[in-house]
PDB file of N, CA and C in Angstrom:
ATOM      1  N   UNK A   1     -51.521  22.597 -53.361  1.00  0.00           N
ATOM      2  CA  UNK A   1     -50.564  22.912 -52.161  1.00  0.00           C
ATOM      3  C   UNK A   1     -50.090  24.613 -52.927  1.00  0.00           C
ATOM      4  N   UNK A   2     -49.123  24.953 -52.243  1.00  0.00           N
ATOM      5  CA  UNK A   2     -48.132  25.876 -52.553  1.00  0.00           C
ATOM      6  C   UNK A   2     -47.053  25.926 -51.624  1.00  0.00           C
ATOM      7  N   UNK A   3     -45.990  26.394 -52.589  1.00  0.00           N
ATOM      8  CA  UNK A   3     -44.848  26.300 -51.839  1.00  0.00           C
ATOM      9  C   UNK A   3     -44.550  28.239 -51.912  1.00  0.00           C
ATOM     10  N   UNK A   4     -43.644  28.212 -50.593  1.00  0.00           N
ATOM     11  CA  UNK A   4     -43.214  29.657 -50.091  1.00  0.00           C
ATOM     12  C   UNK A   4     -41.367  29.704 -49.803  1.00  0.00           C
ATOM     13  N   UNK A   5     -40.865  30.612 -50.310  1.00  0.00           N
ATOM     14  CA  UNK A   5     -39.931  30.839 -50.291  1.00  0.00           C
ATOM     15  C   UNK A   5     -39.781  32.117 -49.048  1.00  0.00           C
ATOM     16  N   UNK A   6     -38.950  31.870 -47.781  1.00  0.00           N
ATOM     17  CA  UNK A   6     -38.793  32.702 -46.438  1.00  0.00           C
ATOM     18  C   UNK A   6     -37.815  33.029 -46.508  1.00  0.00           C
ATOM     19  N   UNK A   7     -37.170  34.318 -45.737  1.00  0.00           N
ATOM     20  CA  UNK A   7     -35.842  34.565 -44.700  1.00  0.00           C
ATOM     21  C   UNK A   7     -36.809  34.591 -43.427  1.00  0.00           C
ATOM     22  N   UNK A   8     -35.602  34.040 -42.294  1.00  0.00           N
ATOM     23  CA  UNK A   8     -36.106  34.112 -41.054  1.00  0.00           C
ATOM     24  C   UNK A   8     -34.906  35.073 -40.667  1.00  0.00           C
ATOM     25  N   UNK A   9     -34.776  35.995 -39.502  1.00  0.00           N
ATOM     26  CA  UNK A   9     -34.006  35.945 -38.433  1.00  0.00           C
ATOM     27  C   UNK A   9     -33.254  34.723 -37.767  1.00  0.00           C
ATOM     28  N   UNK A  10     -31.963  34.314 -37.758  1.00  0.00           N
ATOM     29  CA  UNK A  10     -30.939  33.356 -37.304  1.00  0.00           C
ATOM     30  C   UNK A  10     -31.897  32.935 -35.930  1.00  0.00           C
ATOM     31  N   UNK A  11     -32.088  33.495 -35.108  1.00  0.00           N
ATOM     32  CA  UNK A  11     -32.858  32.842 -33.583  1.00  0.00           C
ATOM     33  C   UNK A  11     -34.438  32.584 -34.431  1.00  0.00           C
ATOM     34  N   UNK A  12     -35.336  32.640 -35.161  1.00  0.00           N
ATOM     35  CA  UNK A  12     -36.494  32.711 -35.561  1.00  0.00           C
ATOM     36  C   UNK A  12     -35.656  30.812 -35.785  1.00  0.00           C
ATOM     37  N   UNK A  13     -35.344  31.023 -37.066  1.00  0.00           N
ATOM     38  CA  UNK A  13     -35.026  29.918 -37.951  1.00  0.00           C
ATOM     39  C   UNK A  13     -34.432  28.831 -36.961  1.00  0.00           C
ATOM     40  N   UNK A  14     -33.682  28.777 -35.876  1.00  0.00           N
ATOM     41  CA  UNK A  14     -33.361  28.372 -34.754  1.00  0.00           C
ATOM     42  C   UNK A  14     -34.448  27.930 -34.327  1.00  0.00           C
ATOM     43  N   UNK A  15     -34.922  28.786 -33.551  1.00  0.00           N
ATOM     44  CA  UNK A  15     -36.399  27.724 -33.309  1.00  0.00           C
ATOM     45  C   UNK A  15     -36.780  27.010 -34.066  1.00  0.00           C
ATOM     46  N   UNK A  16     -37.245  27.517 -35.062  1.00  0.00           N
ATOM     47  CA  UNK A  16     -37.895  26.571 -36.349  1.00  0.00           C
ATOM     48  C   UNK A  16     -37.006  24.842 -36.063  1.00  0.00           C
ATOM     49  N   UNK A  17     -36.409  24.640 -36.023  1.00  0.00           N
ATOM     50  CA  UNK A  17     -35.239  23.855 -36.008  1.00  0.00           C
ATOM     51  C   UNK A  17     -35.137  23.138 -35.279  1.00  0.00           C
ATOM     52  N   UNK A  18     -35.464  23.773 -34.081  1.00  0.00           N
ATOM     53  CA  UNK A  18     -35.523  23.013 -32.678  1.00  0.00           C
ATOM     54  C   UNK A  18     -36.568  22.112 -32.430  1.00  0.00           C
ATOM     55  N   UNK A  19     -38.091  22.901 -32.882  1.00  0.00           N
ATOM     56  CA  UNK A  19     -38.667  22.599 -32.727  1.00  0.00           C
ATOM     57  C   UNK A  19     -39.648  21.087 -33.438  1.00  0.00           C
ATOM     58  N   UNK A  20     -38.314  21.130 -34.747  1.00  0.00           N
ATOM     59  CA  UNK A  20     -38.307  19.808 -35.185  1.00  0.00           C
ATOM     60  C   UNK A  20     -37.108  18.703 -34.876  1.00  0.00           C
ATOM     61  N   UNK A  21     -36.585  19.020 -34.500  1.00  0.00           N
ATOM     62  CA  UNK A  21     -35.381  18.232 -34.119  1.00  0.00           C
ATOM     63  C   UNK A  21     -35.891  17.131 -32.598  1.00  0.00           C
ATOM     64  N   UNK A  22     -36.316  18.239 -32.007  1.00  0.00           N
ATOM     65  CA  UNK A  22     -37.595  17.862 -30.781  1.00  0.00           C
ATOM     66  C   UNK A  22     -38.500  16.611 -30.584  1.00  0.00           C
ATOM     67  N   UNK A  23     -38.760  16.688 -32.001  1.00  0.00           N
ATOM     68  CA  UNK A  23     -40.130  15.881 -32.614  1.00  0.00           C
ATOM     69  C   UNK A  23     -40.874  16.179 -32.431  1.00  0.00           C
ATOM     70  N   UNK A  24     -41.321  17.148 -31.338  1.00  0.00           N
ATOM     71  CA  UNK A  24     -42.728  18.446 -31.791  1.00  0.00           C
ATOM     72  C   UNK A  24     -43.276  18.398 -33.098  1.00  0.00           C
ATOM     73  N   UNK A  25     -42.907  18.477 -33.947  1.00  0.00           N
ATOM     74  CA  UNK A  25     -43.343  18.750 -35.412  1.00  0.00           C
ATOM     75  C   UNK A  25     -42.129  17.456 -35.847  1.00  0.00           C
ATOM     76  N   UNK A  26     -42.851  17.442 -37.387  1.00  0.00           N
ATOM     77  CA  UNK A  26     -41.911  16.384 -37.575  1.00  0.00           C
ATOM     78  C   UNK A  26     -41.411  17.309 -39.006  1.00  0.00           C
ATOM     79  N   UNK A  27     -41.814  18.308 -39.899  1.00  0.00           N
ATOM     80  CA  UNK A  27     -40.862  18.930 -40.839  1.00  0.00           C
ATOM     81  C   UNK A  27     -41.645  20.093 -40.406  1.00  0.00           C
ATOM     82  N   UNK A  28     -40.317  21.509 -41.214  1.00  0.00           N
ATOM     83  CA  UNK A  28     -40.349  22.879 -41.196  1.00  0.00           C
ATOM     84  C   UNK A  28     -41.561  23.398 -41.180  1.00  0.00           C
ATOM     85  N   UNK A  29     -42.579  23.268 -42.181  1.00  0.00           N
ATOM     86  CA  UNK A  29     -43.931  23.096 -42.833  1.00  0.00           C
ATOM     87  C   UNK A  29     -44.889  23.334 -42.021  1.00  0.00           C
ATOM     88  N   UNK A  30     -44.517  21.655 -41.170  1.00  0.00           N
ATOM     89  CA  UNK A  30     -45.519  21.901 -39.799  1.00  0.00           C
ATOM     90  C   UNK A  30     -45.736  22.506 -39.088  1.00  0.00           C
ATOM     91  N   UNK A  31     -44.554  23.551 -38.252  1.00  0.00           N
ATOM     92  CA  UNK A  31     -44.222  24.493 -37.621  1.00  0.00           C
ATOM     93  C   UNK A  31     -44.938  25.971 -37.990  1.00  0.00           C
ATOM     94  N   UNK A  32     -44.799  25.650 -39.459  1.00  0.00           N
ATOM     95  CA  UNK A  32     -45.313  27.376 -39.923  1.00  0.00           C
ATOM     96  C   UNK A  32     -47.107  27.205 -40.466  1.00  0.00           C
ATOM     97  N   UNK A  33     -47.622  25.729 -40.010  1.00  0.00           N
ATOM     98  CA  UNK A  33     -48.844  25.319 -40.366  1.00  0.00           C
ATOM     99  C   UNK A  33     -49.582  25.624 -39.458  1.00  0.00           C
ATOM    100  N   UNK A  34     -48.792  25.836 -38.075  1.00  0.00           N
ATOM    101  CA  UNK A  34     -49.654  25.632 -36.471  1.00  0.00           C
ATOM    102  C   UNK A  34     -49.846  27.079 -36.268  1.00  0.00           C
ATOM    103  N   UNK A  35     -48.327  27.565 -36.545  1.00  0.00           N
ATOM    104  CA  UNK A  35     -48.590  28.817 -35.994  1.00  0.00           C
ATOM    105  C   UNK A  35     -49.338  29.785 -36.879  1.00  0.00           C
ATOM    106  N   UNK A  36     -49.090  29.573 -38.560  1.00  0.00           N
ATOM    107  CA  UNK A  36     -50.858  30.624 -38.904  1.00  0.00           C
ATOM    108  C   UNK A  36     -51.769  30.158 -38.519  1.00  0.00           C
ATOM    109  N   UNK A  37     -51.780  29.029 -38.227  1.00  0.00           N
ATOM    110  CA  UNK A  37     -53.583  28.360 -37.362  1.00  0.00           C
ATOM    111  C   UNK A  37     -53.848  28.794 -36.350  1.00  0.00           C
ATOM    112  N   UNK A  38     -52.767  29.334 -35.534  1.00  0.00           N
ATOM    113  CA  UNK A  38     -52.615  29.833 -34.301  1.00  0.00           C
ATOM    114  C   UNK A  38     -53.320  31.108 -34.372  1.00  0.00           C
ATOM    115  N   UNK A  39     -52.804  31.914 -35.238  1.00  0.00           N
ATOM    116  CA  UNK A  39     -52.244  33.205 -35.803  1.00  0.00           C
ATOM    117  C   UNK A  39     -54.213  33.042 -35.960  1.00  0.00           C
ATOM    118  N   UNK A  40     -54.810  32.825 -37.122  1.00  0.00           N
ATOM    119  CA  UNK A  40     -56.164  32.295 -37.055  1.00  0.00           C
ATOM    120  C   UNK A  40     -57.304  32.738 -36.476  1.00  0.00           C
ATOM    121  N   UNK A  41     -56.957  31.637 -35.224  1.00  0.00           N
ATOM    122  CA  UNK A  41     -57.983  31.607 -34.791  1.00  0.00           C
ATOM    123  C   UNK A  41     -57.704  31.930 -33.427  1.00  0.00           C
ATOM    124  N   UNK A  42     -56.428  33.139 -33.312  1.00  0.00           N
ATOM    125  CA  UNK A  42     -56.564  34.430 -32.538  1.00  0.00           C
ATOM    126  C   UNK A  42     -57.534  35.856 -33.143  1.00  0.00           C
ATOM    127  N   UNK A  43     -56.681  35.856 -34.666  1.00  0.00           N
ATOM    128  CA  UNK A  43     -57.888  36.770 -35.179  1.00  0.00           C
ATOM    129  C   UNK A  43     -59.401  36.386 -35.184  1.00  0.00           C
ATOM    130  N   UNK A  44     -59.845  35.591 -35.312  1.00  0.00           N
ATOM    131  CA  UNK A  44     -61.514  35.187 -35.237  1.00  0.00           C
ATOM    132  C   UNK A  44     -62.047  34.929 -33.453  1.00  0.00           C
ATOM    133  N   UNK A  45     -61.261  34.920 -33.007  1.00  0.00           N
ATOM    134  CA  UNK A  45     -62.030  35.578 -31.050  1.00  0.00           C
ATOM    135  C   UNK A  45     -61.336  36.594 -31.032  1.00  0.00           C
ATOM    136  N   UNK A  46     -60.668  37.412 -32.204  1.00  0.00           N
ATOM    137  CA  UNK A  46     -60.797  38.951 -31.500  1.00  0.00           C
ATOM    138  C   UNK A  46     -62.222  39.969 -32.122  1.00  0.00           C
ATOM    139  N   UNK A  47     -62.119  39.278 -33.298  1.00  0.00           N
ATOM    140  CA  UNK A  47     -63.134  40.036 -34.339  1.00  0.00           C
ATOM    141  C   UNK A  47     -64.604  39.438 -33.591  1.00  0.00           C
ATOM    142  N   UNK A  48     -64.402  38.386 -32.918  1.00  0.00           N
ATOM    143  CA  UNK A  48     -65.764  38.178 -31.856  1.00  0.00           C
ATOM    144  C   UNK A  48     -66.146  38.918 -30.669  1.00  0.00           C
ATOM    145  N   UNK A  49     -64.573  38.871 -30.162  1.00  0.00           N
ATOM    146  CA  UNK A  49     -64.581  39.646 -29.042  1.00  0.00           C
ATOM    147  C   UNK A  49     -65.091  40.711 -29.325  1.00  0.00           C
ATOM    148  N   UNK A  50     -65.154  42.007 -30.487  1.00  0.00           N
ATOM    149  CA  UNK A  50     -64.958  43.094 -30.670  1.00  0.00           C
ATOM    150  C   UNK A  50     -66.581  43.238 -31.290  1.00  0.00           C
ATOM    151  N   UNK A  51     -66.921  42.318 -31.744  1.00  0.00           N
ATOM    152  CA  UNK A  51     -68.562  42.215 -32.478  1.00  0.00           C
ATOM    153  C   UNK A  51     -69.292  42.232 -31.127  1.00  0.00           C
ATOM    154  N   UNK A  52     -69.084  41.237 -30.739  1.00  0.00           N
ATOM    155  CA  UNK A  52     -69.889  40.508 -29.150  1.00  0.00           C
ATOM    156  C   UNK A  52     -70.173  41.763 -28.382  1.00  0.00           C
ATOM    157  N   UNK A  53     -68.442  42.713 -27.967  1.00  0.00           N
ATOM    158  CA  UNK A  53     -68.539  42.666 -26.155  1.00  0.00           C
ATOM    159  C   UNK A  53     -67.709  44.285 -26.751  1.00  0.00           C
ATOM    160  N   UNK A  54     -66.997  44.782 -27.486  1.00  0.00           N
ATOM    161  CA  UNK A  54     -66.718  46.205 -27.822  1.00  0.00           C
ATOM    162  C   UNK A  54     -67.597  46.845 -28.182  1.00  0.00           C
ATOM    163  N   UNK A  55     -68.272  46.674 -29.630  1.00  0.00           N
ATOM    164  CA  UNK A  55     -68.652  47.492 -30.380  1.00  0.00           C
ATOM    165  C   UNK A  55     -70.803  47.492 -29.801  1.00  0.00           C
ATOM    166  N   UNK A  56     -71.229  46.688 -28.858  1.00  0.00           N
ATOM    167  CA  UNK A  56     -71.925  46.906 -27.843  1.00  0.00           C
ATOM    168  C   UNK A  56     -72.261  47.666 -27.167  1.00  0.00           C
ATOM    169  N   UNK A  57     -70.682  47.957 -26.384  1.00  0.00           N
ATOM    170  CA  UNK A  57     -70.272  48.845 -25.039  1.00  0.00           C
ATOM    171  C   UNK A  57     -69.976  50.050 -26.318  1.00  0.00           C
ATOM    172  N   UNK A  58     -69.723  50.488 -26.600  1.00  0.00           N
ATOM    173  CA  UNK A  58     -69.162  51.437 -27.526  1.00  0.00           C
ATOM    174  C   UNK A  58     -70.830  52.347 -28.400  1.00  0.00           C
ATOM    175  N   UNK A  59     -71.686  51.305 -28.246  1.00  0.00           N
ATOM    176  CA  UNK A  59     -72.778  51.670 -28.605  1.00  0.00           C
ATOM    177  C   UNK A  59     -73.764  51.974 -27.653  1.00  0.00           C
ATOM    178  N   UNK A  60     -73.992  51.474 -26.504  1.00  0.00           N
ATOM    179  CA  UNK A  60     -74.436  52.070 -25.258  1.00  0.00           C
ATOM    180  C   UNK A  60     -74.171  52.968 -24.857  1.00  0.00           C
ATOM    181  N   UNK A  61     -72.935  53.287 -24.583  1.00  0.00           N
ATOM    182  CA  UNK A  61     -71.821  54.700 -24.333  1.00  0.00           C
ATOM    183  C   UNK A  61     -72.697  55.990 -24.898  1.00  0.00           C
ATOM    184  N   UNK A  62     -72.992  55.449 -26.677  1.00  0.00           N
ATOM    185  CA  UNK A  62     -73.207  56.351 -27.267  1.00  0.00           C
ATOM    186  C   UNK A  62     -74.756  57.344 -26.843  1.00  0.00           C
ATOM    187  N   UNK A  63     -75.437  56.244 -26.589  1.00  0.00           N
ATOM    188  CA  UNK A  63     -76.618  56.284 -26.243  1.00  0.00           C
ATOM    189  C   UNK A  63     -76.858  57.091 -24.789  1.00  0.00           C
ATOM    190  N   UNK A  64     -76.242  57.129 -24.086  1.00  0.00           N
ATOM    191  CA  UNK A  64     -75.959  57.074 -22.827  1.00  0.00           C
ATOM    192  C   UNK A  64     -74.791  57.396 -22.324  1.00  0.00           C
ATOM    193  N   UNK A  65     -73.840  59.078 -23.107  1.00  0.00           N
ATOM    194  CA  UNK A  65     -72.932  59.235 -22.944  1.00  0.00           C
ATOM    195  C   UNK A  65     -72.516  59.476 -20.897  1.00  0.00           C
ATOM    196  N   UNK A  66     -73.402  60.066 -19.941  1.00  0.00           N
ATOM    197  CA  UNK A  66     -73.587  60.748 -19.451  1.00  0.00           C
ATOM    198  C   UNK A  66     -72.953  59.280 -18.179  1.00  0.00           C
ATOM    199  N   UNK A  67     -73.134  58.206 -18.258  1.00  0.00           N
ATOM    200  CA  UNK A  67     -72.738  56.589 -17.584  1.00  0.00           C
ATOM    201  C   UNK A  67     -71.067  56.751 -17.495  1.00  0.00           C
ATOM    202  N   UNK A  68     -70.558  57.737 -18.878  1.00  0.00           N
ATOM    203  CA  UNK A  68     -69.053  57.496 -18.920  1.00  0.00           C
ATOM    204  C   UNK A  68     -68.437  58.436 -17.659  1.00  0.00           C
ATOM    205  N   UNK A  69     -67.047  57.548 -17.208  1.00  0.00           N
ATOM    206  CA  UNK A  69     -67.229  58.506 -16.097  1.00  0.00           C
ATOM    207  C   UNK A  69     -65.200  58.176 -16.097  1.00  0.00           C
ATOM    208  N   UNK A  70     -64.348  59.587 -15.566  1.00  0.00           N
ATOM    209  CA  UNK A  70     -63.195  59.836 -15.949  1.00  0.00           C
ATOM    210  C   UNK A  70     -62.040  58.312 -14.893  1.00  0.00           C
ATOM    211  N   UNK A  71     -61.281  58.078 -15.382  1.00  0.00           N
ATOM    212  CA  UNK A  71     -59.898  57.459 -14.625  1.00  0.00           C
ATOM    213  C   UNK A  71     -60.126  57.863 -13.247  1.00  0.00           C
ATOM    214  N   UNK A  72     -60.205  59.366 -12.991  1.00  0.00           N
ATOM    215  CA  UNK A  72     -59.705  59.729 -11.970  1.00  0.00           C
ATOM    216  C   UNK A  72     -60.752  59.945 -11.164  1.00  0.00           C
ATOM    217  N   UNK A  73     -62.057  59.511 -11.593  1.00  0.00           N
ATOM    218  CA  UNK A  73     -63.682  59.356 -10.870  1.00  0.00           C
ATOM    219  C   UNK A  73     -63.551  57.961 -10.614  1.00  0.00           C
ATOM    220  N   UNK A  74     -63.283  57.036 -10.957  1.00  0.00           N
ATOM    221  CA  UNK A  74     -63.145  55.994 -11.147  1.00  0.00           C
ATOM    222  C   UNK A  74     -62.269  55.752  -9.994  1.00  0.00           C
ATOM    223  N   UNK A  75     -61.350  55.694 -10.010  1.00  0.00           N
ATOM    224  CA  UNK A  75     -60.760  55.336  -8.423  1.00  0.00           C
ATOM    225  C   UNK A  75     -61.036  56.326  -7.387  1.00  0.00           C
ATOM    226  N   UNK A  76     -61.600  57.079  -7.714  1.00  0.00           N
ATOM    227  CA  UNK A  76     -61.989  58.434  -6.233  1.00  0.00           C
ATOM    228  C   UNK A  76     -63.487  56.636  -6.043  1.00  0.00           C
ATOM    229  N   UNK A  77     -64.202  56.479  -7.140  1.00  0.00           N
ATOM    230  CA  UNK A  77     -65.397  55.825  -6.428  1.00  0.00           C
ATOM    231  C   UNK A  77     -65.155  54.362  -6.143  1.00  0.00           C
ATOM    232  N   UNK A  78     -63.907  53.579  -6.634  1.00  0.00           N
ATOM    233  CA  UNK A  78     -63.320  52.863  -5.773  1.00  0.00           C
ATOM    234  C   UNK A  78     -63.119  52.713  -4.452  1.00  0.00           C
ATOM    235  N   UNK A  79     -61.952  53.753  -4.388  1.00  0.00           N
ATOM    236  CA  UNK A  79     -61.275  53.675  -2.826  1.00  0.00           C
ATOM    237  C   UNK A  79     -62.827  54.935  -2.008  1.00  0.00           C
ATOM    238  N   UNK A  80     -63.769  55.625  -2.824  1.00  0.00           N
ATOM    239  CA  UNK A  80     -64.992  55.372  -1.434  1.00  0.00           C
ATOM    240  C   UNK A  80     -65.224  54.263  -1.184  1.00  0.00           C
ATOM    241  N   UNK A  81     -65.443  52.944  -1.749  1.00  0.00           N
ATOM    242  CA  UNK A  81     -66.369  52.130  -1.769  1.00  0.00           C
ATOM    243  C   UNK A  81     -65.692  50.977  -0.506  1.00  0.00           C
ATOM    244  N   UNK A  82     -64.466  50.872  -0.798  1.00  0.00           N
ATOM    245  CA  UNK A  82     -63.726  50.222   0.482  1.00  0.00           C
ATOM    246  C   UNK A  82     -63.617  51.147   1.292  1.00  0.00           C
ATOM    247  N   UNK A  83     -63.627  52.255   1.796  1.00  0.00           N
ATOM    248  CA  UNK A  83     -63.711  53.217   3.122  1.00  0.00           C
ATOM    249  C   UNK A  83     -65.230  52.995   3.848  1.00  0.00           C
ATOM    250  N   UNK A  84     -65.959  52.650   2.535  1.00  0.00           N
ATOM    251  CA  UNK A  84     -67.368  52.802   3.663  1.00  0.00           C
ATOM    252  C   UNK A  84     -67.267  50.810   3.993  1.00  0.00           C
ATOM    253  N   UNK A  85     -66.722  50.153   2.661  1.00  0.00           N
ATOM    254  CA  UNK A  85     -66.749  48.771   3.566  1.00  0.00           C
ATOM    255  C   UNK A  85     -66.174  48.241   4.527  1.00  0.00           C
ATOM    256  N   UNK A  86     -65.198  48.721   5.014  1.00  0.00           N
ATOM    257  CA  UNK A  86     -64.053  48.372   5.909  1.00  0.00           C
ATOM    258  C   UNK A  86     -63.553  47.725   5.450  1.00  0.00           C
ATOM    259  N   UNK A  87     -63.353  47.346   4.013  1.00  0.00           N
ATOM    260  CA  UNK A  87     -62.237  46.254   3.923  1.00  0.00           C
ATOM    261  C   UNK A  87     -60.502  46.676   4.518  1.00  0.00           C
ATOM    262  N   UNK A  88     -60.243  47.920   5.191  1.00  0.00           N
ATOM    263  CA  UNK A  88     -58.932  48.169   5.497  1.00  0.00           C
ATOM    264  C   UNK A  88     -59.111  47.894   7.307  1.00  0.00           C
ATOM    265  N   UNK A  89     -60.014  47.344   7.932  1.00  0.00           N
ATOM    266  CA  UNK A  89     -60.703  47.023   9.177  1.00  0.00           C
ATOM    267  C   UNK A  89     -59.502  45.786   9.477  1.00  0.00           C
ATOM    268  N   UNK A  90     -58.760  45.625  10.404  1.00  0.00           N
ATOM    269  CA  UNK A  90     -58.467  44.182  10.537  1.00  0.00           C
ATOM    270  C   UNK A  90     -59.238  43.448  12.079  1.00  0.00           C
ATOM    271  N   UNK A  91     -59.849  42.549  11.752  1.00  0.00           N
ATOM    272  CA  UNK A  91     -60.322  41.522  12.887  1.00  0.00           C
ATOM    273  C   UNK A  91     -59.448  41.551  14.534  1.00  0.00           C
TER     274      UNK A  91
END
């Protein structure tokens, strides 16, 4: 195990102290440990999302650039769909 010396702004230091005082955490180290674990989990989830969803989408659009639609064209298509579907008609 390694020890670190850190400096925090007053508001963050108070938050750490409040977490320990409330009994939510046993020590200041526990607060930081869980915070870092949360960051690691979020980073892993983000990397998975990039790998599994974003990159395949980018690759697919690179293969078929004609499928890309501008924001204005997308909104026009949505509005047209709503108009054709009579969503605005009241019963």
